[in-house]
N, C-alpha and C. Protein backbone atom coordinates (compact mmCIF):
# COMPACT_ATOMS: atom_id res chain seq x y z
N MET A 1 -50.75 42.68 20.84
CA MET A 1 -49.62 41.86 20.55
C MET A 1 -49.62 41.07 19.20
N ARG A 2 -48.61 40.82 18.95
CA ARG A 2 -48.45 40.31 17.63
C ARG A 2 -48.31 38.73 17.64
N LYS A 3 -48.83 38.27 16.81
CA LYS A 3 -48.87 36.89 16.92
C LYS A 3 -47.47 36.25 15.78
N ARG A 4 -46.93 35.23 16.62
CA ARG A 4 -45.72 34.67 16.00
C ARG A 4 -45.68 33.38 15.45
N LYS A 5 -45.14 33.43 14.15
CA LYS A 5 -45.51 32.25 13.60
C LYS A 5 -44.72 30.80 13.89
N ARG A 6 -45.23 29.94 14.15
CA ARG A 6 -44.42 28.66 14.70
C ARG A 6 -43.76 27.85 13.84
N ARG A 7 -42.61 27.50 13.75
CA ARG A 7 -42.29 26.54 12.87
C ARG A 7 -42.70 25.01 13.23
N PRO A 8 -42.98 24.32 12.13
CA PRO A 8 -43.25 22.79 13.06
C PRO A 8 -42.04 22.12 13.38
N ALA A 9 -42.01 21.91 14.50
CA ALA A 9 -40.80 20.93 15.36
C ALA A 9 -40.29 19.87 14.18
N ASP A 10 -40.57 19.14 13.53
CA ASP A 10 -40.29 18.24 12.69
C ASP A 10 -39.50 18.99 11.28
N ALA A 11 -39.63 20.17 11.51
CA ALA A 11 -39.22 20.82 9.77
C ALA A 11 -37.42 21.08 9.79
N ALA A 12 -36.95 21.07 10.70
CA ALA A 12 -35.50 20.89 11.09
C ALA A 12 -34.98 19.85 10.65
N GLU A 13 -35.76 18.56 11.37
CA GLU A 13 -35.21 17.39 10.90
C GLU A 13 -34.64 17.05 9.34
N LEU A 14 -33.92 15.92 9.22
CA LEU A 14 -33.49 15.37 8.20
C LEU A 14 -33.91 14.16 8.09
N GLU A 15 -34.69 13.75 6.56
CA GLU A 15 -35.29 12.50 6.32
C GLU A 15 -34.11 11.52 6.47
N MET A 16 -34.13 10.19 7.15
CA MET A 16 -33.16 9.42 7.22
C MET A 16 -33.20 8.29 6.43
N THR A 17 -34.65 7.79 5.77
CA THR A 17 -34.55 6.83 4.67
C THR A 17 -34.16 7.15 3.76
N PRO A 18 -33.74 8.13 2.53
CA PRO A 18 -32.93 8.29 1.59
C PRO A 18 -31.99 8.08 2.13
N MET A 19 -30.74 8.72 2.86
CA MET A 19 -29.92 8.18 3.32
C MET A 19 -29.36 7.06 3.66
N ILE A 20 -30.38 6.34 4.28
CA ILE A 20 -30.05 4.92 4.53
C ILE A 20 -29.87 4.43 3.05
N ASP A 21 -30.91 4.49 2.37
CA ASP A 21 -31.27 4.12 0.76
C ASP A 21 -30.08 4.19 0.08
N VAL A 22 -29.05 5.50 -0.12
CA VAL A 22 -28.04 5.49 -0.53
C VAL A 22 -26.72 4.77 -0.34
N VAL A 23 -26.82 4.72 1.40
CA VAL A 23 -25.87 4.20 2.20
C VAL A 23 -25.66 2.73 1.75
N PHE A 24 -26.95 1.95 1.60
CA PHE A 24 -27.38 0.45 0.91
C PHE A 24 -26.95 0.15 -0.13
N GLN A 25 -27.36 1.40 -1.26
CA GLN A 25 -26.80 1.16 -2.48
C GLN A 25 -24.89 1.08 -2.79
N LEU A 26 -24.79 2.32 -2.35
CA LEU A 26 -23.36 2.10 -2.25
C LEU A 26 -22.28 0.98 -1.62
N LEU A 27 -22.84 0.29 -0.64
CA LEU A 27 -22.35 -0.78 -0.13
C LEU A 27 -22.60 -1.81 -1.31
N ILE A 28 -23.83 -2.01 -1.70
CA ILE A 28 -24.13 -3.11 -2.67
C ILE A 28 -23.28 -2.94 -4.03
N PHE A 29 -23.08 -2.02 -4.48
CA PHE A 29 -22.42 -1.47 -5.47
C PHE A 29 -20.73 -1.75 -5.06
N PHE A 30 -20.27 -1.69 -4.01
CA PHE A 30 -18.91 -1.98 -4.16
C PHE A 30 -18.52 -3.26 -3.75
N LEU A 31 -19.82 -3.97 -2.58
CA LEU A 31 -19.81 -5.78 -2.78
C LEU A 31 -19.68 -6.55 -4.15
N VAL A 32 -20.36 -5.63 -5.05
CA VAL A 32 -20.31 -6.44 -6.63
C VAL A 32 -19.44 -5.96 -7.66
N THR A 33 -18.53 -4.99 -7.58
CA THR A 33 -17.51 -4.82 -7.75
C THR A 33 -15.92 -4.75 -7.57
N LEU A 34 -16.08 -5.33 -6.11
CA LEU A 34 -14.88 -5.81 -5.76
C LEU A 34 -14.43 -7.21 -6.38
N LYS A 35 -12.93 -6.94 -6.65
CA LYS A 35 -12.36 -7.73 -7.37
C LYS A 35 -11.89 -9.06 -5.98
N GLN A 36 -12.43 -9.96 -6.40
CA GLN A 36 -11.83 -11.11 -5.40
C GLN A 36 -10.48 -12.07 -5.78
N GLU A 37 -9.77 -11.93 -5.26
CA GLU A 37 -8.60 -12.91 -5.37
C GLU A 37 -8.38 -14.08 -4.49
N ASP A 38 -7.64 -15.12 -5.07
CA ASP A 38 -7.74 -16.59 -4.91
C ASP A 38 -7.15 -16.69 -3.44
N ILE A 39 -7.67 -16.84 -2.12
CA ILE A 39 -6.76 -16.41 -0.82
C ILE A 39 -5.31 -17.62 -1.05
N LEU A 40 -5.85 -19.01 -1.64
CA LEU A 40 -4.82 -19.92 -1.56
C LEU A 40 -3.90 -19.36 -2.20
N SER A 41 -3.65 -18.68 -3.29
CA SER A 41 -2.20 -18.32 -4.29
C SER A 41 -1.75 -17.33 -3.65
N HIS A 42 -2.02 -16.87 -2.47
CA HIS A 42 -1.20 -16.10 -1.99
C HIS A 42 -0.70 -16.40 -0.09
N LEU A 43 -0.72 -17.65 -0.21
CA LEU A 43 -0.33 -18.23 1.35
C LEU A 43 0.88 -17.96 1.44
N ASP A 44 1.27 -17.03 2.75
CA ASP A 44 2.80 -16.78 2.87
C ASP A 44 3.33 -18.08 4.10
N VAL A 45 3.72 -19.20 3.17
CA VAL A 45 4.05 -20.32 4.30
C VAL A 45 5.40 -20.52 3.68
N SER A 46 6.23 -20.56 4.84
CA SER A 46 7.76 -20.92 4.86
C SER A 46 7.97 -22.45 4.86
N ARG A 47 8.50 -23.27 4.24
CA ARG A 47 8.35 -24.92 4.23
C ARG A 47 9.89 -24.88 4.98
N PRO A 48 10.41 -25.74 6.04
CA PRO A 48 11.61 -26.05 6.40
C PRO A 48 12.13 -26.31 5.61
N ALA A 49 13.45 -25.82 5.83
CA ALA A 49 14.70 -26.48 4.62
C ALA A 49 15.14 -27.99 5.09
N PRO A 50 15.24 -28.81 4.34
CA PRO A 50 15.62 -30.55 4.11
C PRO A 50 17.07 -30.40 5.31
N ASP A 51 16.83 -31.58 6.18
CA ASP A 51 17.83 -31.62 7.17
C ASP A 51 18.92 -32.40 6.42
N PRO A 52 20.12 -32.05 6.30
CA PRO A 52 21.32 -32.46 5.61
C PRO A 52 21.45 -33.72 6.31
N ASN A 53 21.18 -33.88 7.78
CA ASN A 53 22.17 -35.40 8.19
C ASN A 53 20.93 -36.10 8.67
N ALA A 54 19.96 -35.90 7.98
CA ALA A 54 18.85 -37.00 7.96
C ALA A 54 19.16 -38.02 7.39
N LYS A 55 19.17 -39.73 7.99
CA LYS A 55 18.74 -40.74 7.52
C LYS A 55 17.90 -40.90 6.72
N GLN A 56 18.13 -41.79 5.50
CA GLN A 56 17.03 -42.26 4.52
C GLN A 56 16.56 -43.69 5.39
N GLU A 57 15.25 -43.46 5.56
CA GLU A 57 14.46 -44.36 6.12
C GLU A 57 14.24 -45.59 5.42
N GLU A 58 14.29 -46.91 5.57
CA GLU A 58 14.03 -47.90 4.56
C GLU A 58 12.97 -47.79 4.11
N THR A 59 12.46 -48.34 2.68
CA THR A 59 11.22 -48.34 2.32
C THR A 59 10.20 -49.03 2.27
N PHE A 60 9.12 -49.18 2.15
CA PHE A 60 8.10 -49.88 2.48
C PHE A 60 7.42 -50.53 1.74
N LYS A 61 6.87 -51.40 1.49
CA LYS A 61 6.03 -51.95 0.39
C LYS A 61 5.12 -51.01 -0.06
N ASP A 62 4.02 -50.77 0.89
CA ASP A 62 2.94 -49.95 0.70
C ASP A 62 3.55 -48.44 1.16
N LEU A 63 4.57 -47.68 0.08
CA LEU A 63 5.13 -46.77 -0.21
C LEU A 63 4.83 -46.02 -1.27
N LEU A 64 3.87 -44.88 -1.42
CA LEU A 64 4.05 -44.13 -2.66
C LEU A 64 4.56 -42.60 -2.60
N THR A 65 5.51 -42.28 -3.26
CA THR A 65 5.67 -40.90 -3.72
C THR A 65 5.20 -39.96 -4.55
N ILE A 66 5.01 -38.73 -4.47
CA ILE A 66 4.58 -37.95 -5.25
C ILE A 66 5.54 -36.99 -5.22
N THR A 67 5.92 -36.22 -6.40
CA THR A 67 6.80 -35.15 -6.44
C THR A 67 6.21 -34.11 -7.03
N ILE A 68 6.19 -32.76 -6.51
CA ILE A 68 5.70 -31.68 -6.78
C ILE A 68 6.88 -30.61 -7.23
N HIS A 69 6.86 -30.11 -8.46
CA HIS A 69 8.11 -29.74 -8.93
C HIS A 69 7.02 -28.04 -9.96
N ARG A 70 7.96 -27.29 -10.36
CA ARG A 70 7.38 -25.98 -10.67
C ARG A 70 6.29 -26.01 -11.45
N TYR A 71 7.01 -27.35 -12.77
CA TYR A 71 5.76 -27.26 -13.57
C TYR A 71 4.65 -28.73 -13.90
N GLY A 72 4.77 -29.36 -12.73
CA GLY A 72 3.62 -30.03 -12.26
C GLY A 72 3.89 -31.37 -11.02
N TYR A 73 3.61 -32.50 -11.51
CA TYR A 73 3.41 -33.53 -10.53
C TYR A 73 4.40 -34.90 -11.10
N MET A 74 4.92 -35.32 -10.31
CA MET A 74 5.89 -37.17 -10.66
C MET A 74 4.99 -37.89 -10.08
N LEU A 75 4.73 -38.78 -10.55
CA LEU A 75 4.58 -39.91 -9.69
C LEU A 75 5.21 -41.52 -10.55
N LYS A 76 6.26 -41.92 -9.45
CA LYS A 76 6.95 -42.92 -10.06
C LYS A 76 7.59 -42.90 -11.06
N GLY A 77 8.42 -41.83 -11.37
CA GLY A 77 8.96 -41.09 -12.18
C GLY A 77 8.48 -40.56 -13.69
N LYS A 78 7.58 -40.80 -13.70
CA LYS A 78 6.29 -40.11 -14.69
C LYS A 78 5.79 -38.67 -14.45
N ASN A 79 5.87 -37.99 -15.46
CA ASN A 79 5.34 -36.77 -15.20
C ASN A 79 3.58 -36.70 -15.36
N ARG A 80 2.80 -36.17 -14.56
CA ARG A 80 1.52 -36.26 -14.54
C ARG A 80 0.72 -34.88 -14.44
N SER A 81 -0.31 -35.13 -15.19
CA SER A 81 -1.23 -33.96 -14.97
C SER A 81 -1.91 -34.03 -13.37
N ILE A 82 -2.79 -33.02 -13.30
CA ILE A 82 -3.62 -33.19 -11.51
C ILE A 82 -4.60 -34.37 -12.11
N GLU A 83 -5.44 -34.36 -13.30
CA GLU A 83 -6.40 -35.22 -13.70
C GLU A 83 -5.99 -36.28 -13.76
N GLN A 84 -4.56 -36.68 -14.23
CA GLN A 84 -3.88 -38.18 -14.40
C GLN A 84 -4.06 -38.61 -12.62
N LEU A 85 -2.77 -37.77 -11.94
CA LEU A 85 -2.92 -38.01 -10.63
C LEU A 85 -4.10 -38.29 -9.79
N GLU A 86 -4.98 -37.78 -10.37
CA GLU A 86 -6.36 -38.06 -9.38
C GLU A 86 -6.91 -39.36 -9.57
N ARG A 87 -6.84 -39.31 -10.73
CA ARG A 87 -6.81 -40.84 -11.33
C ARG A 87 -6.55 -42.14 -10.60
N ASP A 88 -4.77 -41.80 -10.96
CA ASP A 88 -4.39 -43.08 -10.33
C ASP A 88 -4.69 -43.22 -8.88
N LEU A 89 -4.43 -42.16 -7.94
CA LEU A 89 -4.67 -42.18 -6.60
C LEU A 89 -6.30 -42.61 -6.47
N THR A 90 -7.21 -42.55 -7.08
CA THR A 90 -8.35 -42.99 -6.65
C THR A 90 -8.33 -44.49 -6.91
N ARG A 91 -7.69 -45.24 -8.15
CA ARG A 91 -7.26 -46.38 -8.62
C ARG A 91 -6.86 -47.29 -7.18
N LEU A 92 -5.48 -46.61 -7.24
CA LEU A 92 -4.41 -46.96 -5.86
C LEU A 92 -5.69 -47.30 -4.46
N ALA A 93 -6.25 -46.01 -4.15
CA ALA A 93 -7.03 -46.39 -2.90
C ALA A 93 -8.52 -47.11 -2.96
N SER A 94 -8.92 -47.59 -3.96
CA SER A 94 -9.51 -48.75 -4.12
C SER A 94 -9.20 -49.63 -3.60
N PHE A 95 -7.60 -50.05 -3.62
CA PHE A 95 -6.99 -51.52 -3.70
C PHE A 95 -6.80 -51.39 -2.06
N SER A 96 -6.05 -50.12 -1.75
CA SER A 96 -5.75 -50.08 -0.05
C SER A 96 -5.84 -49.10 0.15
N LYS A 97 -6.54 -48.56 1.33
CA LYS A 97 -6.43 -47.22 1.73
C LYS A 97 -5.13 -47.21 2.93
N SER A 98 -4.49 -48.51 3.28
CA SER A 98 -3.32 -48.01 4.09
C SER A 98 -2.18 -47.71 3.59
N VAL A 99 -1.83 -47.18 2.06
CA VAL A 99 -0.82 -46.55 1.28
C VAL A 99 -0.24 -45.74 2.13
N SER A 100 1.04 -45.59 2.02
CA SER A 100 1.78 -43.99 2.95
C SER A 100 1.88 -43.35 1.79
N VAL A 101 2.03 -42.23 1.80
CA VAL A 101 1.94 -41.08 0.55
C VAL A 101 2.98 -40.44 1.16
N ILE A 102 4.10 -40.16 0.53
CA ILE A 102 5.23 -39.23 0.78
C ILE A 102 4.59 -38.19 -0.44
N ILE A 103 4.58 -36.77 -0.07
CA ILE A 103 4.63 -35.86 -0.79
C ILE A 103 5.94 -35.04 -0.78
N ARG A 104 6.67 -34.83 -1.83
CA ARG A 104 8.11 -34.26 -2.01
C ARG A 104 7.31 -33.15 -2.85
N CYS A 105 8.15 -31.81 -2.09
CA CYS A 105 7.92 -30.49 -2.66
C CYS A 105 9.14 -30.01 -3.19
N THR A 106 9.36 -29.47 -4.22
CA THR A 106 10.63 -28.48 -4.42
C THR A 106 10.82 -27.43 -4.24
N SER A 107 11.90 -26.63 -4.33
CA SER A 107 11.38 -25.54 -3.26
C SER A 107 11.01 -24.09 -4.12
N ASP A 108 10.80 -24.61 -5.82
CA ASP A 108 10.44 -23.49 -6.36
C ASP A 108 8.92 -24.02 -6.55
N SER A 109 8.28 -24.88 -6.11
CA SER A 109 6.76 -25.23 -6.28
C SER A 109 5.85 -24.68 -5.42
N GLN A 110 4.87 -24.70 -6.41
CA GLN A 110 3.42 -23.73 -5.86
C GLN A 110 3.11 -24.06 -4.48
N HIS A 111 2.40 -23.36 -3.93
CA HIS A 111 1.64 -24.17 -2.77
C HIS A 111 0.39 -24.36 -2.94
N GLU A 112 -0.08 -23.91 -4.19
CA GLU A 112 -1.36 -24.23 -4.51
C GLU A 112 -1.26 -25.80 -5.19
N ARG A 113 -0.33 -26.26 -5.88
CA ARG A 113 0.25 -27.51 -6.36
C ARG A 113 -0.20 -28.60 -4.83
N LEU A 114 0.20 -28.23 -4.19
CA LEU A 114 0.41 -29.00 -2.75
C LEU A 114 -0.81 -28.74 -1.93
N VAL A 115 -1.50 -28.05 -2.02
CA VAL A 115 -2.92 -27.95 -1.06
C VAL A 115 -3.89 -28.88 -2.48
N SER A 116 -3.36 -29.07 -3.98
CA SER A 116 -4.78 -29.59 -4.58
C SER A 116 -3.64 -31.30 -4.31
N VAL A 117 -2.86 -31.59 -4.06
CA VAL A 117 -2.74 -32.94 -4.17
C VAL A 117 -3.48 -33.19 -2.41
N LEU A 118 -3.02 -32.82 -1.81
CA LEU A 118 -3.66 -32.95 -0.06
C LEU A 118 -5.35 -33.40 -0.54
N ASN A 119 -5.69 -31.95 -0.88
CA ASN A 119 -7.22 -32.35 -1.33
C ASN A 119 -8.09 -33.70 -1.93
N ILE A 120 -6.71 -33.94 -2.80
CA ILE A 120 -6.91 -35.46 -3.42
C ILE A 120 -7.03 -36.46 -3.02
N CYS A 121 -5.63 -36.34 -1.99
CA CYS A 121 -5.60 -37.40 -1.29
C CYS A 121 -6.79 -37.58 -0.25
N ALA A 122 -7.47 -36.62 0.74
CA ALA A 122 -8.58 -36.56 1.45
C ALA A 122 -9.80 -37.22 0.69
N LYS A 123 -9.74 -36.65 -0.58
CA LYS A 123 -11.06 -36.96 -1.11
C LYS A 123 -11.04 -38.49 -1.22
N VAL A 124 -10.20 -39.11 -1.64
CA VAL A 124 -10.02 -40.90 -2.12
C VAL A 124 -10.02 -41.52 -0.76
N GLY A 125 -9.51 -40.76 -0.03
CA GLY A 125 -9.37 -41.34 1.44
C GLY A 125 -8.29 -41.79 2.34
N LEU A 126 -7.21 -41.27 1.49
CA LEU A 126 -6.04 -41.72 1.80
C LEU A 126 -5.31 -40.69 3.08
N LYS A 127 -4.86 -41.27 4.31
CA LYS A 127 -4.87 -40.47 5.16
C LYS A 127 -3.47 -40.62 6.03
N LYS A 128 -2.37 -41.54 5.47
CA LYS A 128 -1.20 -41.50 5.88
C LYS A 128 -0.29 -40.67 5.08
N LEU A 129 -0.06 -39.47 5.30
CA LEU A 129 0.51 -38.56 4.46
C LEU A 129 1.73 -38.06 5.14
N SER A 130 2.81 -37.83 4.29
CA SER A 130 3.91 -36.88 5.07
C SER A 130 4.27 -36.10 3.98
N VAL A 131 4.74 -34.42 4.47
CA VAL A 131 5.26 -33.65 3.06
C VAL A 131 6.67 -33.39 3.42
N PHE A 132 7.37 -33.44 2.54
CA PHE A 132 8.77 -33.12 2.70
C PHE A 132 9.22 -32.03 1.63
N SER A 133 10.20 -31.59 2.00
CA SER A 133 10.80 -29.94 1.34
C SER A 133 11.96 -30.46 0.67
N MET A 134 12.29 -30.25 -0.68
CA MET A 134 13.45 -30.86 -1.23
C MET A 134 14.74 -29.78 -1.58
């Protein structure tokens, strides 16, 4: 009788360690080269249109209006940069945190600007906020 050569049982198996290494290297490569975009700049939010029949409420002495337009911010009728606006709101909040802040947004203003103003108000402690669309 002739003896048959036995093949080792593990000869047909593939090594998994190198494959797992390659998969992890590809994963790391794609994570490192991924272009991350700012999520807040692409918010798809539709603000409600202003009600033409709404009555103008009487103004209070502790009322501050911030207007956000396409090119920046307005406070008390003067154009402000975000740094100037933050400085003014910090100074105002140091005197009184009970000031009501009305944030008016024009239809062509960017959502990022609104989020920036809301973040500043939260940072300085102003909590009475209203947001309106124009």
